[in-house]
Structures are given as C-alpha cells and as structure tokens.
C-alpha atoms as a PDB file:
ATOM      1  CA  MET A   1      -0.857   8.005 -11.472  1.00  0.00           C
ATOM      2  CA  THR A   2       1.140   4.765 -11.554  1.00  0.00           C
ATOM      3  CA  LYS A   3       2.980   3.498  -8.505  1.00  0.00           C
ATOM      4  CA  SER A   4       6.343   4.345 -10.069  1.00  0.00           C
ATOM      5  CA  GLU A   5       5.150   7.914 -10.750  1.00  0.00           C
ATOM      6  CA  LEU A   6       3.939   8.174  -7.153  1.00  0.00           C
ATOM      7  CA  ARG A   7       7.305   6.908  -5.873  1.00  0.00           C
ATOM      8  CA  LYS A   8       9.131   9.525  -7.899  1.00  0.00           C
ATOM      9  CA  LYS A   9       6.756  12.310  -6.788  1.00  0.00           C
ATOM     10  CA  TYR A  10       6.943  11.510  -3.071  1.00  0.00           C
ATOM     11  CA  LYS A  11      10.689  10.872  -3.012  1.00  0.00           C
ATOM     12  CA  SER A  12      11.080  14.331  -4.544  1.00  0.00           C
ATOM     13  CA  LEU A  13       8.674  15.908  -2.013  1.00  0.00           C
ATOM     14  CA  ARG A  14      10.563  14.239   0.829  1.00  0.00           C
ATOM     15  CA  LYS A  15      13.912  15.360  -0.530  1.00  0.00           C
ATOM     16  CA  ALA A  16      12.663  18.971  -0.484  1.00  0.00           C
ATOM     17  CA  LEU A  17      11.921  18.817   3.252  1.00  0.00           C
ATOM     18  CA  SER A  18      14.367  20.512   5.600  1.00  0.00           C
ATOM     19  CA  LEU A  19      15.794  18.537   8.524  1.00  0.00           C
ATOM     20  CA  ASP A  20      13.741  20.786  10.829  1.00  0.00           C
ATOM     21  CA  ASP A  21      10.590  19.867   8.865  1.00  0.00           C
ATOM     22  CA  VAL A  22      11.405  16.163   9.229  1.00  0.00           C
ATOM     23  CA  GLU A  23      11.819  16.541  13.004  1.00  0.00           C
ATOM     24  CA  ASP A  24       8.710  18.716  13.472  1.00  0.00           C
ATOM     25  CA  TYR A  25       6.509  16.448  11.332  1.00  0.00           C
ATOM     26  CA  SER A  26       7.882  13.312  13.013  1.00  0.00           C
ATOM     27  CA  LEU A  27       7.037  14.682  16.459  1.00  0.00           C
ATOM     28  CA  SER A  28       3.539  15.674  15.271  1.00  0.00           C
ATOM     29  CA  ILE A  29       2.966  12.154  13.916  1.00  0.00           C
ATOM     30  CA  ALA A  30       4.038  10.637  17.251  1.00  0.00           C
ATOM     31  CA  ASN A  31       1.602  12.952  19.049  1.00  0.00           C
ATOM     32  CA  GLN A  32      -1.209  12.004  16.637  1.00  0.00           C
ATOM     33  CA  LEU A  33      -0.548   8.320  17.392  1.00  0.00           C
ATOM     34  CA  LEU A  34      -1.350   8.954  21.049  1.00  0.00           C
ATOM     35  CA  LYS A  35      -4.977   9.589  19.985  1.00  0.00           C
ATOM     36  CA  LEU A  36      -5.363   6.013  18.709  1.00  0.00           C
ATOM     37  CA  ASP A  37      -6.818   3.225  20.830  1.00  0.00           C
ATOM     38  CA  ILE A  38      -3.808   0.936  20.332  1.00  0.00           C
ATOM     39  CA  TRP A  39      -1.885   1.245  23.566  1.00  0.00           C
ATOM     40  CA  ASP A  40      -3.293  -1.822  25.345  1.00  0.00           C
ATOM     41  CA  LYS A  41      -1.258  -4.229  23.164  1.00  0.00           C
ATOM     42  CA  SER A  42       2.082  -5.850  24.026  1.00  0.00           C
ATOM     43  CA  PHE A  43       4.076  -6.368  20.787  1.00  0.00           C
ATOM     44  CA  TYR A  44       4.725  -3.389  18.505  1.00  0.00           C
ATOM     45  CA  HIS A  45       6.772  -3.584  15.312  1.00  0.00           C
ATOM     46  CA  ILE A  46       8.481  -0.416  14.137  1.00  0.00           C
ATOM     47  CA  PHE A  47      10.929   0.449  11.388  1.00  0.00           C
ATOM     48  CA  LEU A  48      14.156   2.269  12.140  1.00  0.00           C
ATOM     49  CA  THR A  49      14.623   5.492  10.198  1.00  0.00           C
ATOM     50  CA  ILE A  50      16.641   5.599   6.982  1.00  0.00           C
ATOM     51  CA  GLU A  51      17.949   9.124   7.469  1.00  0.00           C
ATOM     52  CA  GLU A  52      19.341   9.302   3.921  1.00  0.00           C
ATOM     53  CA  GLN A  53      15.757   8.848   2.592  1.00  0.00           C
ATOM     54  CA  LYS A  54      14.389  11.542   4.946  1.00  0.00           C
ATOM     55  CA  GLU A  55      12.055   8.995   6.488  1.00  0.00           C
ATOM     56  CA  ILE A  56       9.994   9.759   9.554  1.00  0.00           C
ATOM     57  CA  ASN A  57      12.176   9.890  12.646  1.00  0.00           C
ATOM     58  CA  THR A  58      10.728   6.959  14.596  1.00  0.00           C
ATOM     59  CA  GLU A  59      12.773   7.831  17.692  1.00  0.00           C
ATOM     60  CA  TYR A  60       9.761   9.721  19.092  1.00  0.00           C
ATOM     61  CA  ILE A  61       7.539   6.643  18.713  1.00  0.00           C
ATOM     62  CA  LEU A  62      10.254   4.426  20.174  1.00  0.00           C
ATOM     63  CA  ASN A  63      10.315   6.696  23.228  1.00  0.00           C
ATOM     64  CA  ILE A  64       6.531   6.421  23.626  1.00  0.00           C
ATOM     65  CA  LEU A  65       6.707   2.627  23.359  1.00  0.00           C
ATOM     66  CA  ALA A  66       9.581   2.405  25.849  1.00  0.00           C
ATOM     67  CA  GLY A  67       7.769   4.768  28.225  1.00  0.00           C
ATOM     68  CA  LYS A  68       4.708   2.524  28.084  1.00  0.00           C
ATOM     69  CA  ASP A  69       6.929  -0.536  28.682  1.00  0.00           C
ATOM     70  CA  LYS A  70       5.944  -2.251  25.421  1.00  0.00           C
ATOM     71  CA  ASN A  71       7.801  -5.013  23.592  1.00  0.00           C
ATOM     72  CA  ILE A  72       9.446  -3.262  20.639  1.00  0.00           C
ATOM     73  CA  VAL A  73      10.246  -5.377  17.596  1.00  0.00           C
ATOM     74  CA  ILE A  74      12.513  -4.376  14.689  1.00  0.00           C
ATOM     75  CA  SER A  75      13.451  -6.194  11.494  1.00  0.00           C
ATOM     76  CA  LYS A  76      16.320  -7.334   9.389  1.00  0.00           C
ATOM     77  CA  SER A  77      15.797  -7.483   5.605  1.00  0.00           C
ATOM     78  CA  ASN A  78      16.855 -10.332   3.345  1.00  0.00           C
ATOM     79  CA  PHE A  79      17.469  -8.898  -0.128  1.00  0.00           C
ATOM     80  CA  VAL A  80      17.710 -12.354  -1.720  1.00  0.00           C
ATOM     81  CA  ASP A  81      14.084 -13.382  -1.090  1.00  0.00           C
ATOM     82  CA  PHE A  82      12.722  -9.980   0.097  1.00  0.00           C
ATOM     83  CA  SER A  83      11.708 -11.395   3.465  1.00  0.00           C
ATOM     84  CA  MET A  84      12.157  -9.935   6.932  1.00  0.00           C
ATOM     85  CA  THR A  85      13.125 -11.499  10.238  1.00  0.00           C
ATOM     86  CA  HIS A  86      12.061  -9.789  13.438  1.00  0.00           C
ATOM     87  CA  TYR A  87      13.907  -9.267  16.705  1.00  0.00           C
ATOM     88  CA  LEU A  88      13.029  -7.884  20.094  1.00  0.00           C
ATOM     89  CA  LEU A  89      14.751  -4.540  20.658  1.00  0.00           C
ATOM     90  CA  THR A  90      16.609  -4.675  23.974  1.00  0.00           C
ATOM     91  CA  ASP A  91      19.337  -2.635  25.653  1.00  0.00           C
ATOM     92  CA  SER A  92      21.894  -5.109  24.302  1.00  0.00           C
ATOM     93  CA  THR A  93      20.669  -5.066  20.669  1.00  0.00           C
ATOM     94  CA  THR A  94      23.437  -4.030  18.283  1.00  0.00           C
ATOM     95  CA  ILE A  95      22.198  -1.983  15.324  1.00  0.00           C
ATOM     96  CA  LYS A  96      24.183  -1.653  12.099  1.00  0.00           C
ATOM     97  CA  LYS A  97      23.281  -0.064   8.755  1.00  0.00           C
ATOM     98  CA  ASN A  98      23.110  -2.481   5.822  1.00  0.00           C
ATOM     99  CA  ASN A  99      24.228  -1.685   2.251  1.00  0.00           C
ATOM    100  CA  TYR A 100      20.974   0.265   1.698  1.00  0.00           C
ATOM    101  CA  ASN A 101      21.515   2.397   4.837  1.00  0.00           C
ATOM    102  CA  ILE A 102      18.719   0.559   6.656  1.00  0.00           C
ATOM    103  CA  PRO A 103      19.516   0.334  10.383  1.00  0.00           C
ATOM    104  CA  GLU A 104      19.068  -3.312  11.386  1.00  0.00           C
ATOM    105  CA  PRO A 105      19.720  -5.556  14.372  1.00  0.00           C
ATOM    106  CA  ILE A 106      22.776  -7.779  14.029  1.00  0.00           C
ATOM    107  CA  ASP A 107      21.036 -10.533  15.987  1.00  0.00           C
ATOM    108  CA  GLY A 108      18.805 -10.902  19.004  1.00  0.00           C
ATOM    109  CA  ILE A 109      15.715 -12.622  20.336  1.00  0.00           C
ATOM    110  CA  PRO A 110      13.605 -13.699  17.342  1.00  0.00           C
ATOM    111  CA  ILE A 111       9.911 -12.771  17.325  1.00  0.00           C
ATOM    112  CA  ALA A 112       7.377 -14.451  15.024  1.00  0.00           C
ATOM    113  CA  SER A 113       5.198 -12.257  12.784  1.00  0.00           C
ATOM    114  CA  GLU A 114       2.142 -13.873  14.379  1.00  0.00           C
ATOM    115  CA  GLN A 115       3.089 -12.370  17.756  1.00  0.00           C
ATOM    116  CA  LEU A 116       2.889  -8.794  16.500  1.00  0.00           C
ATOM    117  CA  GLU A 117      -0.213  -6.819  17.430  1.00  0.00           C
ATOM    118  CA  VAL A 118       0.600  -3.392  15.957  1.00  0.00           C
ATOM    119  CA  VAL A 119       2.856  -2.685  12.973  1.00  0.00           C
ATOM    120  CA  PHE A 120       4.008   0.825  12.052  1.00  0.00           C
ATOM    121  CA  VAL A 121       4.461   0.775   8.283  1.00  0.00           C
ATOM    122  CA  PRO A 122       6.785   3.022   6.253  1.00  0.00           C
ATOM    123  CA  LEU A 123       5.420   4.356   2.982  1.00  0.00           C
ATOM    124  CA  LEU A 124       5.837   6.975   0.307  1.00  0.00           C
ATOM    125  CA  ALA A 125       2.150   7.564  -0.491  1.00  0.00           C
ATOM    126  CA  PHE A 126      -1.313   6.300   0.430  1.00  0.00           C
ATOM    127  CA  ASP A 127      -4.856   6.692  -0.863  1.00  0.00           C
ATOM    128  CA  LYS A 128      -8.205   7.200   0.841  1.00  0.00           C
ATOM    129  CA  THR A 129      -8.981   3.462   0.872  1.00  0.00           C
ATOM    130  CA  GLY A 130      -5.809   2.391   2.711  1.00  0.00           C
ATOM    131  CA  ASN A 131      -3.621   1.329  -0.207  1.00  0.00           C
ATOM    132  CA  ARG A 132       0.008   2.313   0.145  1.00  0.00           C
ATOM    133  CA  VAL A 133       3.036   2.760  -2.075  1.00  0.00           C
ATOM    134  CA  GLY A 134       6.390   1.777  -0.603  1.00  0.00           C
ATOM    135  CA  TYR A 135       9.799   1.468  -2.196  1.00  0.00           C
ATOM    136  CA  GLY A 136       8.596  -1.301  -4.497  1.00  0.00           C
ATOM    137  CA  LYS A 137      10.320  -4.454  -3.272  1.00  0.00           C
ATOM    138  CA  GLY A 138       7.282  -5.854  -1.424  1.00  0.00           C
ATOM    139  CA  PHE A 139       9.035  -6.452   1.908  1.00  0.00           C
ATOM    140  CA  TYR A 140       6.140  -5.129   3.992  1.00  0.00           C
ATOM    141  CA  ASP A 141       3.376  -6.753   1.936  1.00  0.00           C
ATOM    142  CA  ARG A 142       5.044 -10.162   2.376  1.00  0.00           C
ATOM    143  CA  PHE A 143       5.587  -9.502   6.070  1.00  0.00           C
ATOM    144  CA  LEU A 144       2.053  -8.199   6.755  1.00  0.00           C
ATOM    145  CA  LYS A 145       0.538 -11.301   5.134  1.00  0.00           C
ATOM    146  CA  GLN A 146       2.329 -13.379   7.797  1.00  0.00           C
ATOM    147  CA  CYS A 147       0.755 -11.390  10.631  1.00  0.00           C
ATOM    148  CA  LYS A 148      -2.573 -12.301  12.194  1.00  0.00           C
ATOM    149  CA  PRO A 149      -5.587 -10.738  10.428  1.00  0.00           C
ATOM    150  CA  GLU A 150      -6.343  -8.642  13.525  1.00  0.00           C
ATOM    151  CA  THR A 151      -2.845  -7.101  13.601  1.00  0.00           C
ATOM    152  CA  ILE A 152      -3.261  -3.316  13.392  1.00  0.00           C
ATOM    153  CA  LYS A 153      -1.374  -1.837  10.434  1.00  0.00           C
ATOM    154  CA  ILE A 154      -0.568   1.866  10.745  1.00  0.00           C
ATOM    155  CA  GLY A 155       1.090   3.793   7.937  1.00  0.00           C
ATOM    156  CA  LEU A 156       3.153   6.868   8.797  1.00  0.00           C
ATOM    157  CA  SER A 157       3.325   9.711   6.273  1.00  0.00           C
ATOM    158  CA  PHE A 158       4.598  13.279   6.148  1.00  0.00           C
ATOM    159  CA  PHE A 159       2.032  13.975   3.427  1.00  0.00           C
ATOM    160  CA  GLU A 160      -1.751  13.808   3.184  1.00  0.00           C
ATOM    161  CA  THR A 161      -3.695  11.190   1.234  1.00  0.00           C
ATOM    162  CA  GLU A 162      -3.606  11.034  -2.547  1.00  0.00           C
ATOM    163  CA  THR A 163      -7.021  12.150  -3.784  1.00  0.00           C
ATOM    164  CA  GLU A 164      -7.297   9.428  -6.417  1.00  0.00           C
ATOM    165  CA  ASN A 165      -7.180   5.754  -5.491  1.00  0.00           C
ATOM    166  CA  PHE A 166      -4.323   3.942  -7.101  1.00  0.00           C
ATOM    167  CA  GLU A 167      -4.009   0.477  -8.504  1.00  0.00           C
ATOM    168  CA  ALA A 168      -3.745  -2.331  -5.984  1.00  0.00           C
ATOM    169  CA  VAL A 169      -2.582  -5.811  -6.837  1.00  0.00           C
ATOM    170  CA  ASP A 170      -3.331  -9.074  -5.043  1.00  0.00           C
ATOM    171  CA  ASN A 171      -0.091  -8.889  -3.038  1.00  0.00           C
ATOM    172  CA  ASP A 172      -0.910  -5.462  -1.582  1.00  0.00           C
ATOM    173  CA  VAL A 173      -1.991  -5.369   2.056  1.00  0.00           C
ATOM    174  CA  LYS A 174      -4.190  -2.427   3.056  1.00  0.00           C
ATOM    175  CA  LEU A 175      -3.564  -0.252   6.080  1.00  0.00           C
ATOM    176  CA  ASP A 176      -6.000   0.073   8.978  1.00  0.00           C
ATOM    177  CA  TYR A 177      -4.818   3.626   9.688  1.00  0.00           C
ATOM    178  CA  CYS A 178      -2.459   6.195   8.275  1.00  0.00           C
ATOM    179  CA  VAL A 179      -1.139   8.977  10.479  1.00  0.00           C
ATOM    180  CA  THR A 180       0.135  12.284   9.143  1.00  0.00           C
ATOM    181  CA  PRO A 181       1.286  15.368  11.086  1.00  0.00           C
ATOM    182  CA  ASN A 182      -2.279  16.759  10.996  1.00  0.00           C
ATOM    183  CA  HIS A 183      -4.648  13.808  10.594  1.00  0.00           C
ATOM    184  CA  VAL A 184      -5.454  10.234  11.519  1.00  0.00           C
ATOM    185  CA  PHE A 185      -7.062   8.357   8.641  1.00  0.00           C
ATOM    186  CA  GLN A 186      -8.986   5.184   9.448  1.00  0.00           C
ATOM    187  CA  PHE A 187      -9.844   2.747   6.653  1.00  0.00           C
END
C-alpha cells in the first residue's frame, strides 16, 4: 500500500470511531505509556490534539507529565517552510487553534529541539519496523532530525501495526516505540 492509500485508510478508520472510543483508547494509550522506562527524563515534547481529526486525546498524557513535574514542550507550525518552533508549556501559555485547527502556543519560552529527550509523535499508521505515516507535510521528520540521536521517539496510535512494511524515504525518521491501546511496540 502506498503512503497516500494508508493515509486515506486510516483517516477513514479514525472517522468511524465514536467519541467514547477516542476517549477510551486515549486513556488506554496513556496507561500503556506508564510501562515504558522513559520517566527519568526532564524535557518531553507532546502534540496537542486536533479534535476535528479524531486524534488521540493527549490530555491524559499531559496530566501524567504534569503529575511527574516534567517540562512539557509544545510546538507551533510554520506552513511556509514546514518547520516547527517549540515552547515550554506553562500556566500562562495561551493556546489558539491555527487555520488547520491545530492548537498552538501564541508565544512563550522557546526550547531548542536538542533539549528534548522524549517526543510523542502523532501518526496515522506505522509498520513493524518503526516507519510511520503522518499527514504528509514532513513537519515531524524535519523536527526529529534536529533532535539528538538519543531522543526517544514514541508514536501514538489507535490502531495496531500494518502487517506489511511500507516504503520509507531518506527523510523519514523511524520511531523507537509505538504505543496502541493494547500494545507497546519497540523497534
């Protein structure tokens, strides 16, 4: 299956989920994350949920991170050059949806990609070798290449792994883990 076919398939599968499914699966994913040996780090990057795309509700993970007193980092997307800038999430951070319904910080304390130790990565599909399919603009691949090689990259998915590996190009950055409601995959 091509990446565009996978995008279409998984957007359709996501669309078919009920809001209760989204909440239940999101909570299960957060609970699965607690099994990983990642909680001794300081800087965690997380995406904020695009509700209109029925993305994973990251509020549960945000609560875990806040409860563990971690530095939480969120991003703002630049749709001209497909880059991302990162900001520390604080009590005074103002969040506003952009034209694509992505919740983003208006401003804040900038954080360099090199400071990030764990990155939670949104995706539509993944294979058994750690390749992922996102929305197709390459934001996360560009961003992950700026992180240190030892930065832990964790995909979050409502669905299990694709059984066949799919094409990867030079720009693609593989995941270290992918967490679903029922499994933790390590690559």
